[in-house]
PDB file of N, CA and C in Angstrom:
ATOM      1  N   MET A   1     113.303-100.415-159.495  1.00  0.00           N
ATOM      2  CA  MET A   1     112.094 -99.693-160.725  1.00  0.00           C
ATOM      3  C   MET A   1     111.231 -99.180-159.596  1.00  0.00           C
ATOM      4  N   SER A   2     110.863 -97.890-160.004  1.00  0.00           N
ATOM      5  CA  SER A   2     110.261 -96.864-159.390  1.00  0.00           C
ATOM      6  C   SER A   2     108.761 -96.863-159.931  1.00  0.00           C
ATOM      7  N   LEU A   3     107.625 -97.056-159.321  1.00  0.00           N
ATOM      8  CA  LEU A   3     106.480 -97.321-160.446  1.00  0.00           C
ATOM      9  C   LEU A   3     105.921 -95.860-160.071  1.00  0.00           C
ATOM     10  N   THR A   4     104.987 -95.323-161.302  1.00  0.00           N
ATOM     11  CA  THR A   4     104.156 -93.958-160.832  1.00  0.00           C
ATOM     12  C   THR A   4     103.000 -94.080-160.180  1.00  0.00           C
ATOM     13  N   PRO A   5     102.712 -93.844-158.926  1.00  0.00           N
ATOM     14  CA  PRO A   5     101.459 -93.947-158.435  1.00  0.00           C
ATOM     15  C   PRO A   5      99.954 -93.174-159.793  1.00  0.00           C
ATOM     16  N   ILE A   6      99.009 -94.425-159.533  1.00  0.00           N
ATOM     17  CA  ILE A   6      97.956 -93.403-160.378  1.00  0.00           C
ATOM     18  C   ILE A   6      97.082 -92.721-159.391  1.00  0.00           C
ATOM     19  N   ASP A   7      96.682 -91.927-159.607  1.00  0.00           N
ATOM     20  CA  ASP A   7      95.678 -91.058-159.116  1.00  0.00           C
ATOM     21  C   ASP A   7      94.483 -91.731-159.472  1.00  0.00           C
ATOM     22  N   LEU A   8      93.931 -91.421-158.156  1.00  0.00           N
ATOM     23  CA  LEU A   8      92.676 -92.312-158.229  1.00  0.00           C
ATOM     24  C   LEU A   8      91.813 -91.317-157.542  1.00  0.00           C
ATOM     25  N   THR A   9      91.904 -90.228-157.277  1.00  0.00           N
ATOM     26  CA  THR A   9      91.138 -88.842-156.627  1.00  0.00           C
ATOM     27  C   THR A   9      90.021 -88.648-157.418  1.00  0.00           C
ATOM     28  N   GLY A  10      90.080 -88.883-158.974  1.00  0.00           N
ATOM     29  CA  GLY A  10      88.787 -88.551-159.702  1.00  0.00           C
ATOM     30  C   GLY A  10      88.672 -87.274-160.204  1.00  0.00           C
ATOM     31  N   GLY A  11      87.849 -86.409-160.406  1.00  0.00           N
ATOM     32  CA  GLY A  11      87.838 -85.099-161.029  1.00  0.00           C
ATOM     33  C   GLY A  11      86.322 -84.571-161.073  1.00  0.00           C
ATOM     34  N   LYS A  12      86.210 -83.900-161.670  1.00  0.00           N
ATOM     35  CA  LYS A  12      84.846 -82.881-161.852  1.00  0.00           C
ATOM     36  C   LYS A  12      83.643 -84.017-162.527  1.00  0.00           C
ATOM     37  N   SER A  13      84.717 -84.614-163.573  1.00  0.00           N
ATOM     38  CA  SER A  13      83.722 -85.837-164.360  1.00  0.00           C
ATOM     39  C   SER A  13      83.232 -86.802-163.916  1.00  0.00           C
ATOM     40  N   VAL A  14      83.494 -87.026-162.357  1.00  0.00           N
ATOM     41  CA  VAL A  14      83.592 -88.509-161.767  1.00  0.00           C
ATOM     42  C   VAL A  14      82.739 -88.441-160.823  1.00  0.00           C
ATOM     43  N   TYR A  15      81.664 -89.125-160.946  1.00  0.00           N
ATOM     44  CA  TYR A  15      80.685 -89.902-160.204  1.00  0.00           C
ATOM     45  C   TYR A  15      80.820 -90.459-158.941  1.00  0.00           C
ATOM     46  N   CYS A  16      80.683 -90.210-157.206  1.00  0.00           N
ATOM     47  CA  CYS A  16      80.902 -91.644-156.863  1.00  0.00           C
ATOM     48  C   CYS A  16      79.665 -92.377-155.885  1.00  0.00           C
ATOM     49  N   PHE A  17      79.541 -93.044-156.012  1.00  0.00           N
ATOM     50  CA  PHE A  17      78.576 -93.772-155.302  1.00  0.00           C
ATOM     51  C   PHE A  17      79.005 -94.619-154.047  1.00  0.00           C
ATOM     52  N   ASN A  18      78.219 -94.155-152.831  1.00  0.00           N
ATOM     53  CA  ASN A  18      78.531 -95.108-152.102  1.00  0.00           C
ATOM     54  C   ASN A  18      77.501 -96.579-151.768  1.00  0.00           C
ATOM     55  N   GLN A  19      78.075 -97.393-150.939  1.00  0.00           N
ATOM     56  CA  GLN A  19      77.621 -98.419-150.501  1.00  0.00           C
ATOM     57  C   GLN A  19      76.178 -98.631-150.109  1.00  0.00           C
ATOM     58  N   HIS A  20      75.770 -97.828-149.692  1.00  0.00           N
ATOM     59  CA  HIS A  20      74.490 -97.706-148.888  1.00  0.00           C
ATOM     60  C   HIS A  20      73.511 -97.334-149.855  1.00  0.00           C
ATOM     61  N   GLN A  21      74.062 -96.049-150.773  1.00  0.00           N
ATOM     62  CA  GLN A  21      73.034 -95.842-152.169  1.00  0.00           C
ATOM     63  C   GLN A  21      73.016 -96.918-153.146  1.00  0.00           C
ATOM     64  N   LEU A  22      74.203 -98.019-153.216  1.00  0.00           N
ATOM     65  CA  LEU A  22      73.562 -99.216-154.237  1.00  0.00           C
ATOM     66  C   LEU A  22      73.002-100.069-153.462  1.00  0.00           C
ATOM     67  N   ASP A  23      73.177-100.245-152.242  1.00  0.00           N
ATOM     68  CA  ASP A  23      72.192-101.149-151.247  1.00  0.00           C
ATOM     69  C   ASP A  23      70.759-100.810-151.321  1.00  0.00           C
ATOM     70  N   GLN A  24      70.473 -99.905-151.456  1.00  0.00           N
ATOM     71  CA  GLN A  24      68.587 -99.132-151.267  1.00  0.00           C
ATOM     72  C   GLN A  24      68.774 -99.260-152.674  1.00  0.00           C
ATOM     73  N   ALA A  25      69.388 -98.820-153.962  1.00  0.00           N
ATOM     74  CA  ALA A  25      68.760 -99.180-154.926  1.00  0.00           C
ATOM     75  C   ALA A  25      68.446-100.478-155.194  1.00  0.00           C
ATOM     76  N   GLN A  26      69.189-101.298-154.813  1.00  0.00           N
ATOM     77  CA  GLN A  26      68.884-102.804-154.786  1.00  0.00           C
ATOM     78  C   GLN A  26      67.849-103.794-154.168  1.00  0.00           C
ATOM     79  N   ARG A  27      67.399-103.319-153.152  1.00  0.00           N
ATOM     80  CA  ARG A  27      66.579-103.148-152.140  1.00  0.00           C
ATOM     81  C   ARG A  27      64.919-102.715-153.080  1.00  0.00           C
ATOM     82  N   LEU A  28      65.220-101.555-153.245  1.00  0.00           N
ATOM     83  CA  LEU A  28      64.262-101.115-153.840  1.00  0.00           C
ATOM     84  C   LEU A  28      63.697-101.996-155.357  1.00  0.00           C
ATOM     85  N   TYR A  29      64.837-102.582-156.418  1.00  0.00           N
ATOM     86  CA  TYR A  29      64.816-103.127-157.082  1.00  0.00           C
ATOM     87  C   TYR A  29      64.003-104.522-157.015  1.00  0.00           C
ATOM     88  N   ARG A  30      64.358-105.094-155.676  1.00  0.00           N
ATOM     89  CA  ARG A  30      63.741-106.515-155.424  1.00  0.00           C
ATOM     90  C   ARG A  30      62.504-106.434-154.708  1.00  0.00           C
ATOM     91  N   GLU A  31      62.070-105.039-154.136  1.00  0.00           N
ATOM     92  CA  GLU A  31      61.052-105.192-153.277  1.00  0.00           C
ATOM     93  C   GLU A  31      59.678-105.588-154.056  1.00  0.00           C
ATOM     94  N   GLU A  32      59.175-106.071-153.405  1.00  0.00           N
ATOM     95  CA  GLU A  32      57.563-106.512-153.879  1.00  0.00           C
ATOM     96  C   GLU A  32      56.736-105.453-154.009  1.00  0.00           C
ATOM     97  N   SER A  33      56.240-104.627-154.752  1.00  0.00           N
ATOM     98  CA  SER A  33      55.356-103.558-154.677  1.00  0.00           C
ATOM     99  C   SER A  33      55.688-103.243-156.030  1.00  0.00           C
ATOM    100  N   PRO A  34      54.472-102.311-156.110  1.00  0.00           N
ATOM    101  CA  PRO A  34      54.234-101.316-157.379  1.00  0.00           C
ATOM    102  C   PRO A  34      55.512-100.724-158.040  1.00  0.00           C
ATOM    103  N   GLY A  35      56.070 -99.947-157.329  1.00  0.00           N
ATOM    104  CA  GLY A  35      57.230 -99.502-157.414  1.00  0.00           C
ATOM    105  C   GLY A  35      58.601-100.393-158.112  1.00  0.00           C
ATOM    106  N   GLY A  36      58.910-101.317-157.084  1.00  0.00           N
ATOM    107  CA  GLY A  36      59.670-102.328-157.501  1.00  0.00           C
ATOM    108  C   GLY A  36      59.455-103.036-158.648  1.00  0.00           C
ATOM    109  N   GLU A  37      58.108-103.166-159.266  1.00  0.00           N
ATOM    110  CA  GLU A  37      57.960-104.053-160.303  1.00  0.00           C
ATOM    111  C   GLU A  37      57.827-102.934-161.406  1.00  0.00           C
ATOM    112  N   LYS A  38      58.064-101.754-161.223  1.00  0.00           N
ATOM    113  CA  LYS A  38      58.102-100.582-162.299  1.00  0.00           C
ATOM    114  C   LYS A  38      59.443-100.455-162.660  1.00  0.00           C
ATOM    115  N   ILE A  39      60.196-100.651-161.678  1.00  0.00           N
ATOM    116  CA  ILE A  39      61.613-100.810-161.634  1.00  0.00           C
ATOM    117  C   ILE A  39      62.315-102.094-162.219  1.00  0.00           C
ATOM    118  N   ARG A  40      61.809-103.220-162.288  1.00  0.00           N
ATOM    119  CA  ARG A  40      61.949-104.422-162.472  1.00  0.00           C
ATOM    120  C   ARG A  40      61.673-104.165-164.381  1.00  0.00           C
ATOM    121  N   GLU A  41      60.380-104.086-164.355  1.00  0.00           N
ATOM    122  CA  GLU A  41      59.970-103.837-165.946  1.00  0.00           C
ATOM    123  C   GLU A  41      60.887-103.020-166.642  1.00  0.00           C
ATOM    124  N   ALA A  42      60.903-101.628-165.985  1.00  0.00           N
ATOM    125  CA  ALA A  42      62.254-100.301-167.002  1.00  0.00           C
ATOM    126  C   ALA A  42      63.381-101.692-167.137  1.00  0.00           C
ATOM    127  N   VAL A  43      63.697-102.186-166.350  1.00  0.00           N
ATOM    128  CA  VAL A  43      65.370-102.319-166.575  1.00  0.00           C
ATOM    129  C   VAL A  43      65.226-103.748-167.501  1.00  0.00           C
ATOM    130  N   ASN A  44      64.519-104.590-167.561  1.00  0.00           N
ATOM    131  CA  ASN A  44      64.342-105.114-168.425  1.00  0.00           C
ATOM    132  C   ASN A  44      63.828-105.118-169.663  1.00  0.00           C
ATOM    133  N   ARG A  45      63.269-103.974-170.190  1.00  0.00           N
ATOM    134  CA  ARG A  45      62.806-103.401-171.324  1.00  0.00           C
ATOM    135  C   ARG A  45      64.516-102.836-171.876  1.00  0.00           C
ATOM    136  N   LEU A  46      65.186-102.269-170.952  1.00  0.00           N
ATOM    137  CA  LEU A  46      66.301-101.859-171.222  1.00  0.00           C
ATOM    138  C   LEU A  46      67.267-102.674-171.766  1.00  0.00           C
ATOM    139  N   GLU A  47      67.263-103.825-170.955  1.00  0.00           N
ATOM    140  CA  GLU A  47      68.095-104.700-171.364  1.00  0.00           C
ATOM    141  C   GLU A  47      67.770-105.569-172.143  1.00  0.00           C
ATOM    142  N   SER A  48      66.657-105.321-172.616  1.00  0.00           N
ATOM    143  CA  SER A  48      66.177-106.222-173.855  1.00  0.00           C
ATOM    144  C   SER A  48      66.483-105.727-174.985  1.00  0.00           C
ATOM    145  N   ASP A  49      65.657-104.318-175.012  1.00  0.00           N
ATOM    146  CA  ASP A  49      65.996-103.538-176.260  1.00  0.00           C
ATOM    147  C   ASP A  49      67.055-102.617-176.247  1.00  0.00           C
ATOM    148  N   TYR A  50      68.270-102.434-175.595  1.00  0.00           N
ATOM    149  CA  TYR A  50      69.357-101.565-176.075  1.00  0.00           C
ATOM    150  C   TYR A  50      70.583-102.403-175.953  1.00  0.00           C
ATOM    151  N   SER A  51      71.583-101.959-176.702  1.00  0.00           N
ATOM    152  CA  SER A  51      72.774-102.565-176.125  1.00  0.00           C
ATOM    153  C   SER A  51      73.717-102.192-174.986  1.00  0.00           C
ATOM    154  N   ARG A  52      74.562-102.525-174.321  1.00  0.00           N
ATOM    155  CA  ARG A  52      75.393-102.562-173.334  1.00  0.00           C
ATOM    156  C   ARG A  52      75.618-101.426-173.450  1.00  0.00           C
ATOM    157  N   ASN A  53      76.662-100.490-174.652  1.00  0.00           N
ATOM    158  CA  ASN A  53      76.636 -99.115-174.582  1.00  0.00           C
ATOM    159  C   ASN A  53      75.477 -97.837-174.551  1.00  0.00           C
ATOM    160  N   GLU A  54      74.463 -98.695-175.130  1.00  0.00           N
ATOM    161  CA  GLU A  54      73.277 -97.762-174.710  1.00  0.00           C
ATOM    162  C   GLU A  54      72.610 -97.670-173.489  1.00  0.00           C
ATOM    163  N   GLN A  55      72.498 -98.719-173.152  1.00  0.00           N
ATOM    164  CA  GLN A  55      72.222 -99.103-171.771  1.00  0.00           C
ATOM    165  C   GLN A  55      73.337 -98.052-170.957  1.00  0.00           C
ATOM    166  N   ALA A  56      74.273 -97.796-170.728  1.00  0.00           N
ATOM    167  CA  ALA A  56      75.489 -97.182-170.149  1.00  0.00           C
ATOM    168  C   ALA A  56      75.227 -95.728-170.097  1.00  0.00           C
ATOM    169  N   THR A  57      75.447 -95.268-171.548  1.00  0.00           N
ATOM    170  CA  THR A  57      74.843 -93.797-171.976  1.00  0.00           C
ATOM    171  C   THR A  57      73.458 -93.339-171.278  1.00  0.00           C
ATOM    172  N   ILE A  58      72.426 -94.219-171.119  1.00  0.00           N
ATOM    173  CA  ILE A  58      71.087 -94.036-170.669  1.00  0.00           C
ATOM    174  C   ILE A  58      71.427 -93.803-168.987  1.00  0.00           C
ATOM    175  N   ALA A  59      72.163 -94.671-168.616  1.00  0.00           N
ATOM    176  CA  ALA A  59      72.395 -94.574-166.981  1.00  0.00           C
ATOM    177  C   ALA A  59      72.929 -93.530-166.701  1.00  0.00           C
ATOM    178  N   PHE A  60      74.290 -93.095-167.446  1.00  0.00           N
ATOM    179  CA  PHE A  60      74.927 -91.495-167.351  1.00  0.00           C
ATOM    180  C   PHE A  60      73.998 -90.857-167.447  1.00  0.00           C
ATOM    181  N   THR A  61      73.271 -90.605-168.499  1.00  0.00           N
ATOM    182  CA  THR A  61      72.436 -89.478-168.480  1.00  0.00           C
ATOM    183  C   THR A  61      71.493 -89.524-167.684  1.00  0.00           C
ATOM    184  N   ILE A  62      70.944 -90.280-167.069  1.00  0.00           N
ATOM    185  CA  ILE A  62      69.781 -90.218-166.098  1.00  0.00           C
ATOM    186  C   ILE A  62      70.558 -89.954-164.853  1.00  0.00           C
ATOM    187  N   ILE A  63      71.718 -90.526-164.354  1.00  0.00           N
ATOM    188  CA  ILE A  63      72.348 -89.753-162.985  1.00  0.00           C
ATOM    189  C   ILE A  63      72.696 -88.382-163.490  1.00  0.00           C
ATOM    190  N   GLU A  64      73.323 -87.949-164.829  1.00  0.00           N
ATOM    191  CA  GLU A  64      73.621 -86.549-164.863  1.00  0.00           C
ATOM    192  C   GLU A  64      72.322 -85.355-164.846  1.00  0.00           C
ATOM    193  N   HIS A  65      71.236 -86.290-165.294  1.00  0.00           N
ATOM    194  CA  HIS A  65      69.834 -85.035-165.004  1.00  0.00           C
ATOM    195  C   HIS A  65      69.544 -85.006-163.728  1.00  0.00           C
ATOM    196  N   LEU A  66      69.809 -86.381-162.971  1.00  0.00           N
ATOM    197  CA  LEU A  66      69.453 -86.366-161.265  1.00  0.00           C
ATOM    198  C   LEU A  66      70.380 -85.520-160.728  1.00  0.00           C
ATOM    199  N   ASN A  67      71.856 -85.186-161.077  1.00  0.00           N
ATOM    200  CA  ASN A  67      72.628 -84.221-160.291  1.00  0.00           C
ATOM    201  C   ASN A  67      72.247 -82.963-160.679  1.00  0.00           C
ATOM    202  N   GLN A  68      71.712 -82.464-162.058  1.00  0.00           N
ATOM    203  CA  GLN A  68      71.803 -81.351-162.221  1.00  0.00           C
ATOM    204  C   GLN A  68      70.388 -80.566-161.731  1.00  0.00           C
ATOM    205  N   THR A  69      69.681 -81.710-161.476  1.00  0.00           N
ATOM    206  CA  THR A  69      68.196 -81.159-160.634  1.00  0.00           C
ATOM    207  C   THR A  69      68.523 -81.689-159.122  1.00  0.00           C
ATOM    208  N   SER A  70      69.112 -81.837-158.583  1.00  0.00           N
ATOM    209  CA  SER A  70      69.311 -81.691-156.886  1.00  0.00           C
ATOM    210  C   SER A  70      68.983 -80.897-156.423  1.00  0.00           C
ATOM    211  N   GLU A  71      68.374 -81.188-155.230  1.00  0.00           N
ATOM    212  CA  GLU A  71      67.536 -80.103-154.486  1.00  0.00           C
ATOM    213  C   GLU A  71      68.832 -79.502-153.252  1.00  0.00           C
ATOM    214  N   PHE A  72      69.796 -80.705-153.226  1.00  0.00           N
ATOM    215  CA  PHE A  72      70.620 -80.282-152.312  1.00  0.00           C
ATOM    216  C   PHE A  72      71.844 -78.717-152.465  1.00  0.00           C
TER     217      PHE A  72
END
C-alpha cells in the first residue's frame, strides 16, 4: 500500500518561526526588567481574560500586523 506524501512546505498563509526567535521571546518574557514585567503582565491578563481561541486570534493578529509593518 502506497501512502500519499503530505505537503509540509506551507504556503502564503503560513508563518514560520525559527528556534532562535522563540528562544529570544522566552528570554525577554523571563527577563527581570521593566520590559519583562510588562510582557508577563500582558500575557497573564490575556490568559485570564480571554478564551484560548481569543488568545490565538490576538496572537495571529499581532503577528500579521508586525508582518505588514516590517521594515525589511
